[in-house]
Amino acid sequence: MNLGPKIIFTIPGLNIPISETVTTTWAIMIGLTLFAYFGTRKLEKVPRGFQVIIEAIVGGLNSIVKQTMGEDKVRFAPYIGSLFLFFACSNLVTLTGLFGKSPTTDLNTTLAWALITFFMIHYNGVKSKGLGGYLKGFLDPIPAMLPMNIIGELATPISLSFRPFGNILGGSVIMALLYQFFGYLSGLIGLPIPVLGVGIPAVLHIYFDLFSGILQSFIFIMLTMVFVSNAID
């Protein structure tokens, strides 16, 4: 079983391979861009139709940011909302049947998101407390904790990236094995087509793709908000 990203094509002349992760990510970005454009180009004072859905999503994300980070940090809502929608779509894109693997099953994707959060944490910490005040926080509660505090900060992008990567990849591997097993079982009992491989595993997609995908997206943005808020406060 090949767990790495599949190479779709290579850019002529530059010999740069473009993987399935990149092409799927492009498709998701285009889809979200179109969703944002068509959802906001004709806004009305009294929402109706598609605008109701848009306002519900935006209002819900703003509410989560306010409750988690505080009213004074609602400026982070656009980033948190974009991250959640992009993360959730990346986890759920395989349900469409148009794409082979979720971008989240590629560690490069989750690591990139984790590094953005990592730099946001320290940038906003320095901006809020000043360089000296922020660095002083590494000496709490006692100066002897400096090495452990540094290791803890460096571990943040590692834990943030490996958690969703491991969960989504693990679910994909389990589903692939189940499809193979039930396909083999169908042939073993003499069925002309792998009926068991079509019906039974499909139910498990509700957990591994839908529930787990949304859950991992929510956990990631919650950790991002908590880390950034703690760095500022």
Protein backbone atom coordinates (compact mmCIF):
# COMPACT_ATOMS: atom_id res chain seq x y z
CA MET A 1 0.00 0.00 0.00
CA ASN A 2 1.46 3.34 -1.09
CA LEU A 3 0.92 5.91 1.67
CA GLY A 4 2.85 8.74 0.02
CA PRO A 5 1.28 11.39 -2.22
CA LYS A 6 0.86 10.30 -5.84
CA ILE A 7 2.63 12.39 -8.49
CA ILE A 8 0.02 13.68 -10.95
CA PHE A 9 2.30 15.43 -13.44
CA THR A 10 5.66 17.18 -13.75
CA ILE A 11 6.04 20.80 -14.84
CA PRO A 12 7.78 20.69 -18.25
CA GLY A 13 11.23 22.24 -18.35
CA LEU A 14 11.47 22.67 -14.59
CA ASN A 15 11.16 19.00 -13.68
CA ILE A 16 9.04 19.92 -10.63
CA PRO A 17 6.68 17.10 -9.61
CA ILE A 18 3.13 18.11 -8.72
CA SER A 19 1.54 15.67 -6.29
CA GLU A 20 -2.07 14.76 -5.67
CA THR A 21 -1.87 16.80 -2.46
CA VAL A 22 -1.11 19.96 -4.44
CA THR A 23 -3.80 19.45 -7.08
CA THR A 24 -6.45 18.61 -4.48
CA THR A 25 -5.44 21.64 -2.42
CA TRP A 26 -5.77 23.84 -5.51
CA ALA A 27 -9.25 22.43 -6.14
CA ILE A 28 -10.30 23.14 -2.54
CA MET A 29 -8.95 26.70 -2.68
CA ILE A 30 -10.80 27.36 -5.95
CA GLY A 31 -13.98 25.90 -4.49
CA LEU A 32 -13.80 28.01 -1.31
CA THR A 33 -12.97 31.13 -3.35
CA LEU A 34 -16.03 30.60 -5.55
CA PHE A 35 -18.12 29.85 -2.46
CA ALA A 36 -17.01 33.14 -0.87
CA TYR A 37 -17.53 35.13 -4.07
CA PHE A 38 -20.99 33.89 -4.98
CA GLY A 39 -22.06 33.86 -1.36
CA THR A 40 -21.23 37.52 -0.72
CA ARG A 41 -21.69 39.35 -4.02
CA LYS A 42 -25.39 40.15 -3.46
CA LEU A 43 -25.82 40.65 0.27
CA GLU A 44 -29.13 42.00 1.51
CA LYS A 45 -30.13 43.63 4.80
CA VAL A 46 -32.72 40.94 5.33
CA PRO A 47 -30.88 37.65 4.64
CA ARG A 48 -32.56 34.94 2.64
CA GLY A 49 -31.61 31.82 0.76
CA PHE A 50 -27.89 31.17 0.49
CA GLN A 51 -27.06 34.30 2.50
CA VAL A 52 -28.67 32.72 5.56
CA ILE A 53 -26.19 29.84 5.39
CA ILE A 54 -23.24 32.20 4.93
CA GLU A 55 -24.24 34.38 7.88
CA ALA A 56 -24.82 31.31 10.06
CA ILE A 57 -21.29 30.04 9.31
CA VAL A 58 -19.67 33.44 9.89
CA GLY A 59 -21.72 34.11 13.02
CA GLY A 60 -20.93 30.70 14.46
CA LEU A 61 -17.19 31.07 13.89
CA ASN A 62 -17.18 34.61 15.35
CA SER A 63 -19.02 33.29 18.41
CA ILE A 64 -16.49 30.49 18.92
CA VAL A 65 -13.58 32.95 18.70
CA LYS A 66 -15.21 35.35 21.16
CA GLN A 67 -15.97 32.61 23.67
CA THR A 68 -12.52 31.03 23.43
CA MET A 69 -10.22 34.04 23.00
CA GLY A 70 -12.34 36.94 24.26
CA GLU A 71 -14.17 39.86 22.67
CA ASP A 72 -10.93 41.80 22.13
CA LYS A 73 -9.48 39.07 19.92
CA VAL A 74 -12.31 38.70 17.43
CA ARG A 75 -9.87 40.03 14.80
CA PHE A 76 -8.54 36.48 14.57
CA ALA A 77 -11.91 35.17 13.39
CA PRO A 78 -11.16 35.49 9.63
CA TYR A 79 -8.01 33.40 9.98
CA ILE A 80 -9.63 30.84 12.29
CA GLY A 81 -12.66 30.59 10.01
CA SER A 82 -10.54 30.17 6.87
CA LEU A 83 -8.40 27.55 8.61
CA PHE A 84 -11.43 25.59 9.79
CA LEU A 85 -13.18 25.59 6.41
CA PHE A 86 -10.00 24.67 4.54
CA PHE A 87 -9.15 21.97 7.09
CA ALA A 88 -12.67 20.52 7.08
CA CYS A 89 -12.89 20.49 3.27
CA SER A 90 -9.49 18.79 3.08
CA ASN A 91 -10.73 16.07 5.41
CA LEU A 92 -14.07 15.60 3.67
CA VAL A 93 -13.02 15.95 0.03
CA THR A 94 -12.66 12.20 -0.47
CA LEU A 95 -16.39 11.75 0.15
CA THR A 96 -17.07 13.38 -3.22
CA GLY A 97 -15.41 10.45 -5.00
CA LEU A 98 -13.49 12.88 -7.25
CA PHE A 99 -10.23 12.76 -5.31
CA GLY A 100 -8.10 9.87 -4.15
CA LYS A 101 -6.58 11.09 -0.90
CA SER A 102 -7.19 13.91 1.50
CA PRO A 103 -4.42 16.56 1.65
CA THR A 104 -4.45 15.99 5.42
CA THR A 105 -2.92 12.55 4.88
CA ASP A 106 0.22 14.36 3.69
CA LEU A 107 2.35 15.57 6.62
CA ASN A 108 3.52 18.54 4.53
CA THR A 109 -0.02 19.96 4.66
CA THR A 110 -0.59 19.70 8.41
CA LEU A 111 2.97 20.83 9.14
CA ALA A 112 2.44 23.96 7.03
CA TRP A 113 -0.72 24.81 8.99
CA ALA A 114 1.05 24.12 12.29
CA LEU A 115 3.99 26.37 11.36
CA ILE A 116 1.62 29.23 10.50
CA THR A 117 0.04 28.84 13.94
CA PHE A 118 3.49 28.58 15.55
CA PHE A 119 4.64 31.89 14.06
CA MET A 120 1.31 33.51 14.94
CA ILE A 121 1.76 32.50 18.57
CA HIS A 122 5.19 34.07 18.93
CA TYR A 123 4.53 37.10 16.73
CA ASN A 124 1.43 38.08 18.69
CA GLY A 125 3.16 37.30 21.99
CA VAL A 126 6.04 39.67 21.16
CA LYS A 127 3.61 42.27 19.76
CA SER A 128 1.52 42.20 22.94
CA LYS A 129 4.22 42.01 25.63
CA GLY A 130 7.29 43.34 23.88
CA LEU A 131 10.35 41.23 23.14
CA GLY A 132 11.78 41.44 26.64
CA GLY A 133 8.49 40.73 28.38
CA TYR A 134 7.73 37.79 26.13
CA LEU A 135 11.15 36.21 26.54
CA LYS A 136 10.86 36.70 30.30
CA GLY A 137 7.85 34.37 30.25
CA PHE A 138 10.18 31.48 29.37
CA LEU A 139 11.67 31.81 32.88
CA ASP A 140 8.34 31.13 34.61
CA PRO A 141 7.75 29.76 37.16
CA ILE A 142 11.49 29.53 37.91
CA PRO A 143 14.54 30.21 35.70
CA ALA A 144 15.53 26.53 35.87
CA MET A 145 12.46 25.77 33.72
CA LEU A 146 13.92 27.62 30.71
CA PRO A 147 15.07 24.47 28.83
CA MET A 148 11.74 22.73 29.40
CA ASN A 149 9.76 25.80 28.31
CA ILE A 150 11.79 26.06 25.10
CA ILE A 151 11.29 22.36 24.36
CA GLY A 152 7.58 22.76 25.04
CA GLU A 153 7.31 25.61 22.53
CA LEU A 154 9.26 23.71 19.88
CA ALA A 155 6.98 20.72 20.41
CA THR A 156 3.89 22.78 19.55
CA PRO A 157 4.13 22.56 15.73
CA ILE A 158 5.08 18.88 15.99
CA SER A 159 2.04 17.96 18.10
CA LEU A 160 -0.29 20.18 16.05
CA SER A 161 0.81 18.63 12.76
CA PHE A 162 1.06 14.98 13.77
CA ARG A 163 -2.32 14.82 15.54
CA PRO A 164 -4.56 15.44 12.49
CA PHE A 165 -2.10 13.74 10.13
CA GLY A 166 -2.06 10.56 12.20
CA ASN A 167 -5.80 10.45 12.76
CA ILE A 168 -6.83 11.09 9.16
CA LEU A 169 -4.12 8.86 7.67
CA GLY A 170 -4.99 6.10 10.15
CA GLY A 171 -8.64 6.29 9.13
CA SER A 172 -7.69 6.12 5.45
CA VAL A 173 -5.51 3.05 6.02
CA ILE A 174 -8.25 1.30 7.99
CA MET A 175 -10.83 2.02 5.28
CA ALA A 176 -8.48 0.79 2.54
CA LEU A 177 -7.87 -2.45 4.44
CA LEU A 178 -11.60 -2.93 5.01
CA TYR A 179 -12.36 -2.49 1.32
CA GLN A 180 -9.73 -5.08 0.45
CA PHE A 181 -10.97 -7.49 3.10
CA PHE A 182 -14.65 -7.28 2.14
CA GLY A 183 -13.74 -7.47 -1.55
CA TYR A 184 -11.80 -10.66 -0.82
CA LEU A 185 -14.70 -11.96 1.30
CA SER A 186 -17.14 -11.35 -1.55
CA GLY A 187 -14.98 -13.42 -3.88
CA LEU A 188 -14.57 -16.12 -1.25
CA ILE A 189 -18.31 -16.72 -0.99
CA GLY A 190 -18.70 -16.67 -4.77
CA LEU A 191 -20.26 -13.25 -5.39
CA PRO A 192 -19.60 -12.01 -8.96
CA ILE A 193 -19.05 -8.44 -7.77
CA PRO A 194 -17.59 -7.22 -4.44
CA VAL A 195 -20.98 -6.34 -2.95
CA LEU A 196 -19.69 -6.53 0.62
CA GLY A 197 -16.90 -4.13 -0.28
CA VAL A 198 -19.42 -1.57 -1.50
CA GLY A 199 -22.10 -1.64 1.19
CA ILE A 200 -20.62 -2.39 4.60
CA PRO A 201 -17.50 -0.12 4.61
CA ALA A 202 -19.57 2.82 3.32
CA VAL A 203 -21.26 3.09 6.71
CA LEU A 204 -17.88 3.48 8.41
CA HIS A 205 -17.15 6.54 6.28
CA ILE A 206 -19.62 8.39 8.48
CA TYR A 207 -17.13 8.11 11.34
CA PHE A 208 -13.71 8.01 9.71
CA ASP A 209 -14.37 10.72 7.12
CA LEU A 210 -17.30 12.82 8.32
CA PHE A 211 -17.22 12.76 12.13
CA SER A 212 -13.47 12.38 12.59
CA GLY A 213 -12.72 14.92 9.84
CA ILE A 214 -14.87 17.64 11.41
CA LEU A 215 -13.64 16.75 14.90
CA GLN A 216 -9.96 17.05 13.95
CA SER A 217 -10.64 20.40 12.27
CA PHE A 218 -12.37 21.69 15.39
CA ILE A 219 -9.59 20.46 17.70
CA PHE A 220 -6.95 22.15 15.54
CA ILE A 221 -8.62 25.58 15.58
CA MET A 222 -9.38 25.30 19.31
CA LEU A 223 -5.71 24.60 20.07
CA THR A 224 -4.69 27.45 17.77
CA MET A 225 -6.98 29.89 19.58
CA VAL A 226 -5.85 28.74 23.04
CA PHE A 227 -2.13 28.95 22.18
CA VAL A 228 -2.40 32.39 20.55
CA SER A 229 -4.60 33.75 23.33
CA ASN A 230 -2.20 32.49 26.04
CA ALA A 231 0.75 34.07 24.25
CA ILE A 232 -1.01 37.46 24.15
CA ASP A 233 -2.31 37.34 27.73
